[in-house]
Amino acid sequence: MIKNFGFHSLLLFESSFIPNKFVTWIVKKVDLKT
C-alpha cells in the first residue's frame, strides 16, 4: 500500500544511523550561499 502512494523507496532503508562527528565534519564544509 505504501508503494501505491509513491514512497516505496522508504521501505528500502534498513538503518539511518550516521555518526554525529562525521556529519558535523561534513556540514562544516557546506557553503550556504551556493
PDB file of all heavy atoms in Angstrom:
ATOM      1  N   MET A   1       0.824  -1.202   0.000  1.00  0.00           N
ATOM      2  CA  MET A   1       0.000   0.000   0.000  1.00  0.00           C
ATOM      3  C   MET A   1       0.868   1.266   0.000  1.00  0.00           C
ATOM      4  O   MET A   1       0.551   2.254  -0.652  1.00  0.00           O
ATOM      5  CB  MET A   1      -0.929  -0.018   1.221  1.00  0.00           C
ATOM      6  CG  MET A   1      -2.066   0.986   1.159  1.00  0.00           C
ATOM      7  SD  MET A   1      -1.600   2.645   1.703  1.00  0.00           S
ATOM      8  CE  MET A   1      -1.257   2.300   3.425  1.00  0.00           C
ATOM      9  N   ILE A   2       1.987   1.238   0.765  1.00  0.00           N
ATOM     10  CA  ILE A   2       2.917   2.360   0.787  1.00  0.00           C
ATOM     11  C   ILE A   2       3.437   2.627  -0.620  1.00  0.00           C
ATOM     12  O   ILE A   2       3.572   3.776  -1.051  1.00  0.00           O
ATOM     13  CB  ILE A   2       4.093   2.072   1.740  1.00  0.00           C
ATOM     14  CG1 ILE A   2       3.592   1.779   3.161  1.00  0.00           C
ATOM     15  CG2 ILE A   2       5.063   3.243   1.758  1.00  0.00           C
ATOM     16  CD1 ILE A   2       2.836   2.888   3.816  1.00  0.00           C
ATOM     17  N   LYS A   3       3.698   1.553  -1.360  1.00  0.00           N
ATOM     18  CA  LYS A   3       4.211   1.685  -2.723  1.00  0.00           C
ATOM     19  C   LYS A   3       3.217   2.393  -3.623  1.00  0.00           C
ATOM     20  O   LYS A   3       3.604   3.152  -4.515  1.00  0.00           O
ATOM     21  CB  LYS A   3       4.543   0.307  -3.290  1.00  0.00           C
ATOM     22  CG  LYS A   3       5.665  -0.422  -2.571  1.00  0.00           C
ATOM     23  CD  LYS A   3       5.920  -1.775  -3.211  1.00  0.00           C
ATOM     24  CE  LYS A   3       7.033  -2.515  -2.484  1.00  0.00           C
ATOM     25  NZ  LYS A   3       7.274  -3.855  -3.087  1.00  0.00           N
ATOM     26  N   ASN A   4       1.935   2.146  -3.407  1.00  0.00           N
ATOM     27  CA  ASN A   4       0.908   2.748  -4.254  1.00  0.00           C
ATOM     28  C   ASN A   4       0.891   4.268  -4.156  1.00  0.00           C
ATOM     29  O   ASN A   4       0.449   4.952  -5.075  1.00  0.00           O
ATOM     30  CB  ASN A   4      -0.473   2.198  -3.883  1.00  0.00           C
ATOM     31  CG  ASN A   4      -0.610   0.717  -4.196  1.00  0.00           C
ATOM     32  OD1 ASN A   4       0.104   0.186  -5.043  1.00  0.00           O
ATOM     33  ND2 ASN A   4      -1.515   0.047  -3.494  1.00  0.00           N
ATOM     34  N   PHE A   5       1.375   4.785  -3.037  1.00  0.00           N
ATOM     35  CA  PHE A   5       1.411   6.233  -2.835  1.00  0.00           C
ATOM     36  C   PHE A   5       2.725   6.851  -3.314  1.00  0.00           C
ATOM     37  O   PHE A   5       2.913   8.057  -3.232  1.00  0.00           O
ATOM     38  CB  PHE A   5       1.181   6.574  -1.358  1.00  0.00           C
ATOM     39  CG  PHE A   5      -0.261   6.489  -0.922  1.00  0.00           C
ATOM     40  CD1 PHE A   5      -0.749   5.321  -0.359  1.00  0.00           C
ATOM     41  CD2 PHE A   5      -1.122   7.559  -1.099  1.00  0.00           C
ATOM     42  CE1 PHE A   5      -2.077   5.225   0.050  1.00  0.00           C
ATOM     43  CE2 PHE A   5      -2.445   7.481  -0.693  1.00  0.00           C
ATOM     44  CZ  PHE A   5      -2.932   6.314  -0.127  1.00  0.00           C
ATOM     45  N   GLY A   6       3.656   6.004  -3.776  1.00  0.00           N
ATOM     46  CA  GLY A   6       4.908   6.517  -4.323  1.00  0.00           C
ATOM     47  C   GLY A   6       6.056   6.633  -3.341  1.00  0.00           C
ATOM     48  O   GLY A   6       7.037   7.334  -3.611  1.00  0.00           O
ATOM     49  N   PHE A   7       5.958   5.925  -2.205  1.00  0.00           N
ATOM     50  CA  PHE A   7       7.002   6.032  -1.191  1.00  0.00           C
ATOM     51  C   PHE A   7       7.698   4.694  -0.943  1.00  0.00           C
ATOM     52  O   PHE A   7       8.150   4.398   0.163  1.00  0.00           O
ATOM     53  CB  PHE A   7       6.411   6.579   0.120  1.00  0.00           C
ATOM     54  CG  PHE A   7       5.867   7.966  -0.015  1.00  0.00           C
ATOM     55  CD1 PHE A   7       4.529   8.176  -0.283  1.00  0.00           C
ATOM     56  CD2 PHE A   7       6.701   9.069   0.091  1.00  0.00           C
ATOM     57  CE1 PHE A   7       4.017   9.464  -0.438  1.00  0.00           C
ATOM     58  CE2 PHE A   7       6.210  10.352  -0.063  1.00  0.00           C
ATOM     59  CZ  PHE A   7       4.855  10.544  -0.324  1.00  0.00           C
ATOM     60  N   HIS A   8       7.793   3.892  -1.999  1.00  0.00           N
ATOM     61  CA  HIS A   8       8.408   2.575  -1.878  1.00  0.00           C
ATOM     62  C   HIS A   8       9.873   2.663  -1.472  1.00  0.00           C
ATOM     63  O   HIS A   8      10.403   1.759  -0.820  1.00  0.00           O
ATOM     64  CB  HIS A   8       8.296   1.832  -3.205  1.00  0.00           C
ATOM     65  CG  HIS A   8       8.837   2.609  -4.366  1.00  0.00           C
ATOM     66  ND1 HIS A   8       8.122   3.616  -4.960  1.00  0.00           N
ATOM     67  CD2 HIS A   8      10.029   2.535  -5.010  1.00  0.00           C
ATOM     68  CE1 HIS A   8       8.849   4.133  -5.938  1.00  0.00           C
ATOM     69  NE2 HIS A   8      10.006   3.504  -5.996  1.00  0.00           N
ATOM     70  N   SER A   9      10.548   3.773  -1.841  1.00  0.00           N
ATOM     71  CA  SER A   9      11.974   3.905  -1.526  1.00  0.00           C
ATOM     72  C   SER A   9      12.225   3.909  -0.020  1.00  0.00           C
ATOM     73  O   SER A   9      13.274   3.456   0.442  1.00  0.00           O
ATOM     74  CB  SER A   9      12.540   5.188  -2.142  1.00  0.00           C
ATOM     75  OG  SER A   9      11.897   6.340  -1.609  1.00  0.00           O
ATOM     76  N   LEU A  10      11.263   4.421   0.753  1.00  0.00           N
ATOM     77  CA  LEU A  10      11.444   4.478   2.204  1.00  0.00           C
ATOM     78  C   LEU A  10      11.406   3.097   2.848  1.00  0.00           C
ATOM     79  O   LEU A  10      11.807   2.937   3.995  1.00  0.00           O
ATOM     80  CB  LEU A  10      10.376   5.375   2.841  1.00  0.00           C
ATOM     81  CG  LEU A  10      10.447   6.862   2.465  1.00  0.00           C
ATOM     82  CD1 LEU A  10       9.331   7.629   3.158  1.00  0.00           C
ATOM     83  CD2 LEU A  10      11.799   7.438   2.832  1.00  0.00           C
ATOM     84  N   LEU A  11      10.932   2.114   2.105  1.00  0.00           N
ATOM     85  CA  LEU A  11      10.918   0.744   2.617  1.00  0.00           C
ATOM     86  C   LEU A  11      12.259   0.048   2.389  1.00  0.00           C
ATOM     87  O   LEU A  11      12.446  -1.089   2.808  1.00  0.00           O
ATOM     88  CB  LEU A  11       9.807  -0.060   1.941  1.00  0.00           C
ATOM     89  CG  LEU A  11       8.374   0.435   2.175  1.00  0.00           C
ATOM     90  CD1 LEU A  11       7.404  -0.337   1.289  1.00  0.00           C
ATOM     91  CD2 LEU A  11       7.991   0.290   3.644  1.00  0.00           C
ATOM     92  N   LEU A  12      13.192   0.733   1.739  1.00  0.00           N
ATOM     93  CA  LEU A  12      14.468   0.124   1.392  1.00  0.00           C
ATOM     94  C   LEU A  12      15.594   0.478   2.349  1.00  0.00           C
ATOM     95  O   LEU A  12      16.715   0.017   2.188  1.00  0.00           O
ATOM     96  CB  LEU A  12      14.880   0.542  -0.034  1.00  0.00           C
ATOM     97  CG  LEU A  12      13.904   0.172  -1.144  1.00  0.00           C
ATOM     98  CD1 LEU A  12      14.376   0.760  -2.464  1.00  0.00           C
ATOM     99  CD2 LEU A  12      13.770  -1.337  -1.254  1.00  0.00           C
ATOM    100  N   PHE A  13      15.291   1.325   3.340  1.00  0.00           N
ATOM    101  CA  PHE A  13      16.331   1.752   4.268  1.00  0.00           C
ATOM    102  C   PHE A  13      16.306   0.906   5.533  1.00  0.00           C
ATOM    103  O   PHE A  13      15.337   0.915   6.279  1.00  0.00           O
ATOM    104  CB  PHE A  13      16.163   3.230   4.627  1.00  0.00           C
ATOM    105  CG  PHE A  13      16.471   4.157   3.497  1.00  0.00           C
ATOM    106  CD1 PHE A  13      15.502   4.472   2.555  1.00  0.00           C
ATOM    107  CD2 PHE A  13      17.733   4.695   3.354  1.00  0.00           C
ATOM    108  CE1 PHE A  13      15.774   5.311   1.496  1.00  0.00           C
ATOM    109  CE2 PHE A  13      18.029   5.539   2.302  1.00  0.00           C
ATOM    110  CZ  PHE A  13      17.049   5.853   1.369  1.00  0.00           C
ATOM    111  N   GLU A  14      17.408   0.203   5.770  1.00  0.00           N
ATOM    112  CA  GLU A  14      17.491  -0.641   6.963  1.00  0.00           C
ATOM    113  C   GLU A  14      17.901   0.167   8.173  1.00  0.00           C
ATOM    114  O   GLU A  14      17.449  -0.060   9.289  1.00  0.00           O
ATOM    115  CB  GLU A  14      18.497  -1.761   6.730  1.00  0.00           C
ATOM    116  CG  GLU A  14      18.640  -2.717   7.911  1.00  0.00           C
ATOM    117  CD  GLU A  14      19.566  -3.870   7.597  1.00  0.00           C
ATOM    118  OE1 GLU A  14      19.549  -4.352   6.460  1.00  0.00           O
ATOM    119  OE2 GLU A  14      20.305  -4.271   8.509  1.00  0.00           O
ATOM    120  N   SER A  15      18.799   1.109   7.974  1.00  0.00           N
ATOM    121  CA  SER A  15      19.285   1.917   9.085  1.00  0.00           C
ATOM    122  C   SER A  15      19.640   3.301   8.583  1.00  0.00           C
ATOM    123  O   SER A  15      20.148   3.463   7.474  1.00  0.00           O
ATOM    124  CB  SER A  15      20.518   1.283   9.725  1.00  0.00           C
ATOM    125  OG  SER A  15      21.070   2.140  10.715  1.00  0.00           O
ATOM    126  N   SER A  16      19.344   4.313   9.388  1.00  0.00           N
ATOM    127  CA  SER A  16      19.689   5.676   9.022  1.00  0.00           C
ATOM    128  C   SER A  16      20.741   6.243   9.963  1.00  0.00           C
ATOM    129  O   SER A  16      21.000   7.441   9.968  1.00  0.00           O
ATOM    130  CB  SER A  16      18.442   6.566   9.064  1.00  0.00           C
ATOM    131  OG  SER A  16      17.984   6.708  10.393  1.00  0.00           O
ATOM    132  N   PHE A  17      21.365   5.391  10.770  1.00  0.00           N
ATOM    133  CA  PHE A  17      22.335   5.887  11.742  1.00  0.00           C
ATOM    134  C   PHE A  17      23.582   6.419  11.044  1.00  0.00           C
ATOM    135  O   PHE A  17      24.206   5.740  10.243  1.00  0.00           O
ATOM    136  CB  PHE A  17      22.740   4.776  12.718  1.00  0.00           C
ATOM    137  CG  PHE A  17      23.863   5.200  13.636  1.00  0.00           C
ATOM    138  CD1 PHE A  17      23.620   6.080  14.675  1.00  0.00           C
ATOM    139  CD2 PHE A  17      25.160   4.736  13.434  1.00  0.00           C
ATOM    140  CE1 PHE A  17      24.653   6.481  15.517  1.00  0.00           C
ATOM    141  CE2 PHE A  17      26.189   5.131  14.262  1.00  0.00           C
ATOM    142  CZ  PHE A  17      25.938   6.006  15.305  1.00  0.00           C
ATOM    143  N   ILE A  18      23.921   7.649  11.353  1.00  0.00           N
ATOM    144  CA  ILE A  18      25.132   8.286  10.850  1.00  0.00           C
ATOM    145  C   ILE A  18      25.853   8.905  12.044  1.00  0.00           C
ATOM    146  O   ILE A  18      25.246   9.667  12.797  1.00  0.00           O
ATOM    147  CB  ILE A  18      24.804   9.398   9.828  1.00  0.00           C
ATOM    148  CG1 ILE A  18      23.934   8.858   8.684  1.00  0.00           C
ATOM    149  CG2 ILE A  18      26.094  10.011   9.292  1.00  0.00           C
ATOM    150  CD1 ILE A  18      24.620   7.853   7.797  1.00  0.00           C
ATOM    151  N   PRO A  19      27.129   8.599  12.258  1.00  0.00           N
ATOM    152  CA  PRO A  19      27.862   9.168  13.400  1.00  0.00           C
ATOM    153  C   PRO A  19      27.834  10.694  13.372  1.00  0.00           C
ATOM    154  O   PRO A  19      28.122  11.306  12.341  1.00  0.00           O
ATOM    155  CB  PRO A  19      29.286   8.629  13.204  1.00  0.00           C
ATOM    156  CG  PRO A  19      29.110   7.383  12.397  1.00  0.00           C
ATOM    157  CD  PRO A  19      27.956   7.663  11.474  1.00  0.00           C
ATOM    158  N   ASN A  20      27.484  11.296  14.497  1.00  0.00           N
ATOM    159  CA  ASN A  20      27.371  12.751  14.567  1.00  0.00           C
ATOM    160  C   ASN A  20      28.679  13.467  14.238  1.00  0.00           C
ATOM    161  O   ASN A  20      28.674  14.518  13.584  1.00  0.00           O
ATOM    162  CB  ASN A  20      26.889  13.173  15.961  1.00  0.00           C
ATOM    163  CG  ASN A  20      25.375  13.086  16.090  1.00  0.00           C
ATOM    164  OD1 ASN A  20      24.676  12.841  15.121  1.00  0.00           O
ATOM    165  ND2 ASN A  20      24.877  13.276  17.293  1.00  0.00           N
ATOM    166  N   LYS A  21      29.803  12.910  14.690  1.00  0.00           N
ATOM    167  CA  LYS A  21      31.088  13.559  14.426  1.00  0.00           C
ATOM    168  C   LYS A  21      31.367  13.620  12.932  1.00  0.00           C
ATOM    169  O   LYS A  21      31.905  14.604  12.423  1.00  0.00           O
ATOM    170  CB  LYS A  21      32.208  12.819  15.151  1.00  0.00           C
ATOM    171  CG  LYS A  21      32.202  13.011  16.660  1.00  0.00           C
ATOM    172  CD  LYS A  21      33.413  12.349  17.304  1.00  0.00           C
ATOM    173  CE  LYS A  21      33.423  12.589  18.810  1.00  0.00           C
ATOM    174  NZ  LYS A  21      34.599  11.945  19.457  1.00  0.00           N
ATOM    175  N   PHE A  22      31.012  12.552  12.239  1.00  0.00           N
ATOM    176  CA  PHE A  22      31.219  12.500  10.797  1.00  0.00           C
ATOM    177  C   PHE A  22      30.361  13.536  10.087  1.00  0.00           C
ATOM    178  O   PHE A  22      30.839  14.287   9.230  1.00  0.00           O
ATOM    179  CB  PHE A  22      30.892  11.091  10.292  1.00  0.00           C
ATOM    180  CG  PHE A  22      30.957  10.928   8.802  1.00  0.00           C
ATOM    181  CD1 PHE A  22      32.121  11.204   8.110  1.00  0.00           C
ATOM    182  CD2 PHE A  22      29.851  10.489   8.093  1.00  0.00           C
ATOM    183  CE1 PHE A  22      32.183  11.049   6.733  1.00  0.00           C
ATOM    184  CE2 PHE A  22      29.896  10.325   6.721  1.00  0.00           C
ATOM    185  CZ  PHE A  22      31.071  10.609   6.042  1.00  0.00           C
ATOM    186  N   VAL A  23      29.077  13.595  10.460  1.00  0.00           N
ATOM    187  CA  VAL A  23      28.164  14.550   9.824  1.00  0.00           C
ATOM    188  C   VAL A  23      28.559  15.982  10.174  1.00  0.00           C
ATOM    189  O   VAL A  23      28.507  16.874   9.315  1.00  0.00           O
ATOM    190  CB  VAL A  23      26.710  14.277  10.242  1.00  0.00           C
ATOM    191  CG1 VAL A  23      25.784  15.332   9.653  1.00  0.00           C
ATOM    192  CG2 VAL A  23      26.265  12.898   9.791  1.00  0.00           C
ATOM    193  N   THR A  24      28.969  16.206  11.412  1.00  0.00           N
ATOM    194  CA  THR A  24      29.397  17.545  11.821  1.00  0.00           C
ATOM    195  C   THR A  24      30.545  18.027  10.947  1.00  0.00           C
ATOM    196  O   THR A  24      30.572  19.184  10.498  1.00  0.00           O
ATOM    197  CB  THR A  24      29.836  17.540  13.298  1.00  0.00           C
ATOM    198  OG1 THR A  24      28.716  17.186  14.119  1.00  0.00           O
ATOM    199  CG2 THR A  24      30.345  18.911  13.718  1.00  0.00           C
ATOM    200  N   TRP A  25      31.477  17.146  10.676  1.00  0.00           N
ATOM    201  CA  TRP A  25      32.622  17.486   9.834  1.00  0.00           C
ATOM    202  C   TRP A  25      32.172  17.857   8.427  1.00  0.00           C
ATOM    203  O   TRP A  25      32.668  18.821   7.835  1.00  0.00           O
ATOM    204  CB  TRP A  25      33.586  16.306   9.789  1.00  0.00           C
ATOM    205  CG  TRP A  25      34.763  16.516   8.895  1.00  0.00           C
ATOM    206  CD1 TRP A  25      35.834  17.335   9.104  1.00  0.00           C
ATOM    207  CD2 TRP A  25      34.972  15.897   7.607  1.00  0.00           C
ATOM    208  NE1 TRP A  25      36.705  17.262   8.045  1.00  0.00           N
ATOM    209  CE2 TRP A  25      36.208  16.397   7.114  1.00  0.00           C
ATOM    210  CE3 TRP A  25      34.249  14.976   6.853  1.00  0.00           C
ATOM    211  CZ2 TRP A  25      36.721  15.993   5.881  1.00  0.00           C
ATOM    212  CZ3 TRP A  25      34.761  14.579   5.627  1.00  0.00           C
ATOM    213  CH2 TRP A  25      35.978  15.089   5.157  1.00  0.00           C
ATOM    214  N   ILE A  26      31.193  17.119   7.881  1.00  0.00           N
ATOM    215  CA  ILE A  26      30.696  17.405   6.531  1.00  0.00           C
ATOM    216  C   ILE A  26      29.947  18.738   6.498  1.00  0.00           C
ATOM    217  O   ILE A  26      30.171  19.571   5.616  1.00  0.00           O
ATOM    218  CB  ILE A  26      29.761  16.282   6.034  1.00  0.00           C
ATOM    219  CG1 ILE A  26      30.510  14.958   5.926  1.00  0.00           C
ATOM    220  CG2 ILE A  26      29.157  16.652   4.676  1.00  0.00           C
ATOM    221  CD1 ILE A  26      29.629  13.779   5.586  1.00  0.00           C
ATOM    222  N   VAL A  27      29.057  18.934   7.467  1.00  0.00           N
ATOM    223  CA  VAL A  27      28.228  20.138   7.482  1.00  0.00           C
ATOM    224  C   VAL A  27      29.095  21.396   7.584  1.00  0.00           C
ATOM    225  O   VAL A  27      28.749  22.448   7.031  1.00  0.00           O
ATOM    226  CB  VAL A  27      27.201  20.078   8.635  1.00  0.00           C
ATOM    227  CG1 VAL A  27      26.445  21.391   8.768  1.00  0.00           C
ATOM    228  CG2 VAL A  27      26.212  18.943   8.392  1.00  0.00           C
ATOM    229  N   LYS A  28      30.218  21.291   8.248  1.00  0.00           N
ATOM    230  CA  LYS A  28      31.132  22.431   8.339  1.00  0.00           C
ATOM    231  C   LYS A  28      31.725  22.798   6.988  1.00  0.00           C
ATOM    232  O   LYS A  28      32.256  23.901   6.811  1.00  0.00           O
ATOM    233  CB  LYS A  28      32.251  22.124   9.330  1.00  0.00           C
ATOM    234  CG  LYS A  28      31.821  22.146  10.789  1.00  0.00           C
ATOM    235  CD  LYS A  28      32.984  21.847  11.717  1.00  0.00           C
ATOM    236  CE  LYS A  28      32.553  21.910  13.177  1.00  0.00           C
ATOM    237  NZ  LYS A  28      33.674  21.604  14.101  1.00  0.00           N
ATOM    238  N   LYS A  29      31.630  21.887   6.031  1.00  0.00           N
ATOM    239  CA  LYS A  29      32.158  22.126   4.682  1.00  0.00           C
ATOM    240  C   LYS A  29      31.087  22.641   3.714  1.00  0.00           C
ATOM    241  O   LYS A  29      31.361  22.815   2.535  1.00  0.00           O
ATOM    242  CB  LYS A  29      32.740  20.823   4.110  1.00  0.00           C
ATOM    243  CG  LYS A  29      33.762  20.134   5.004  1.00  0.00           C
ATOM    244  CD  LYS A  29      35.015  20.960   5.190  1.00  0.00           C
ATOM    245  CE  LYS A  29      36.043  20.201   6.016  1.00  0.00           C
ATOM    246  NZ  LYS A  29      37.286  20.993   6.220  1.00  0.00           N
ATOM    247  N   VAL A  30      29.870  22.872   4.221  1.00  0.00           N
ATOM    248  CA  VAL A  30      28.770  23.307   3.365  1.00  0.00           C
ATOM    249  C   VAL A  30      28.793  24.825   3.200  1.00  0.00           C
ATOM    250  O   VAL A  30      28.863  25.571   4.174  1.00  0.00           O
ATOM    251  CB  VAL A  30      27.409  22.870   3.945  1.00  0.00           C
ATOM    252  CG1 VAL A  30      26.273  23.432   3.099  1.00  0.00           C
ATOM    253  CG2 VAL A  30      27.323  21.356   4.013  1.00  0.00           C
ATOM    254  N   ASP A  31      28.753  25.258   1.951  1.00  0.00           N
ATOM    255  CA  ASP A  31      28.644  26.685   1.632  1.00  0.00           C
ATOM    256  C   ASP A  31      27.164  27.006   1.462  1.00  0.00           C
ATOM    257  O   ASP A  31      26.536  26.593   0.489  1.00  0.00           O
ATOM    258  CB  ASP A  31      29.402  26.992   0.340  1.00  0.00           C
ATOM    259  CG  ASP A  31      29.450  28.480   0.034  1.00  0.00           C
ATOM    260  OD1 ASP A  31      28.514  29.209   0.419  1.00  0.00           O
ATOM    261  OD2 ASP A  31      30.431  28.915  -0.604  1.00  0.00           O
ATOM    262  N   LEU A  32      26.599  27.741   2.407  1.00  0.00           N
ATOM    263  CA  LEU A  32      25.166  28.042   2.385  1.00  0.00           C
ATOM    264  C   LEU A  32      24.776  28.894   1.177  1.00  0.00           C
ATOM    265  O   LEU A  32      23.686  28.729   0.620  1.00  0.00           O
ATOM    266  CB  LEU A  32      24.765  28.757   3.673  1.00  0.00           C
ATOM    267  CG  LEU A  32      24.138  27.921   4.786  1.00  0.00           C
ATOM    268  CD1 LEU A  32      23.842  28.795   5.992  1.00  0.00           C
ATOM    269  CD2 LEU A  32      22.876  27.228   4.313  1.00  0.00           C
ATOM    270  N   LYS A  33      25.655  29.785   0.766  1.00  0.00           N
ATOM    271  CA  LYS A  33      25.323  30.687  -0.334  1.00  0.00           C
ATOM    272  C   LYS A  33      25.150  29.939  -1.644  1.00  0.00           C
ATOM    273  O   LYS A  33      24.285  30.267  -2.457  1.00  0.00           O
ATOM    274  CB  LYS A  33      26.400  31.762  -0.474  1.00  0.00           C
ATOM    275  CG  LYS A  33      26.446  32.741   0.705  1.00  0.00           C
ATOM    276  CD  LYS A  33      27.499  33.807   0.471  1.00  0.00           C
ATOM    277  CE  LYS A  33      27.541  34.802   1.632  1.00  0.00           C
ATOM    278  NZ  LYS A  33      28.581  35.847   1.421  1.00  0.00           N
ATOM    279  N   THR A  34      26.008  28.951  -1.881  1.00  0.00           N
ATOM    280  CA  THR A  34      25.947  28.206  -3.138  1.00  0.00           C
ATOM    281  C   THR A  34      25.256  26.861  -2.988  1.00  0.00           C
ATOM    282  O   THR A  34      24.998  26.182  -3.984  1.00  0.00           O
ATOM    283  CB  THR A  34      27.367  27.963  -3.680  1.00  0.00           C
ATOM    284  OG1 THR A  34      28.116  27.174  -2.729  1.00  0.00           O
ATOM    285  CG2 THR A  34      28.083  29.284  -3.908  1.00  0.00           C
TER     286      THR A  34
END
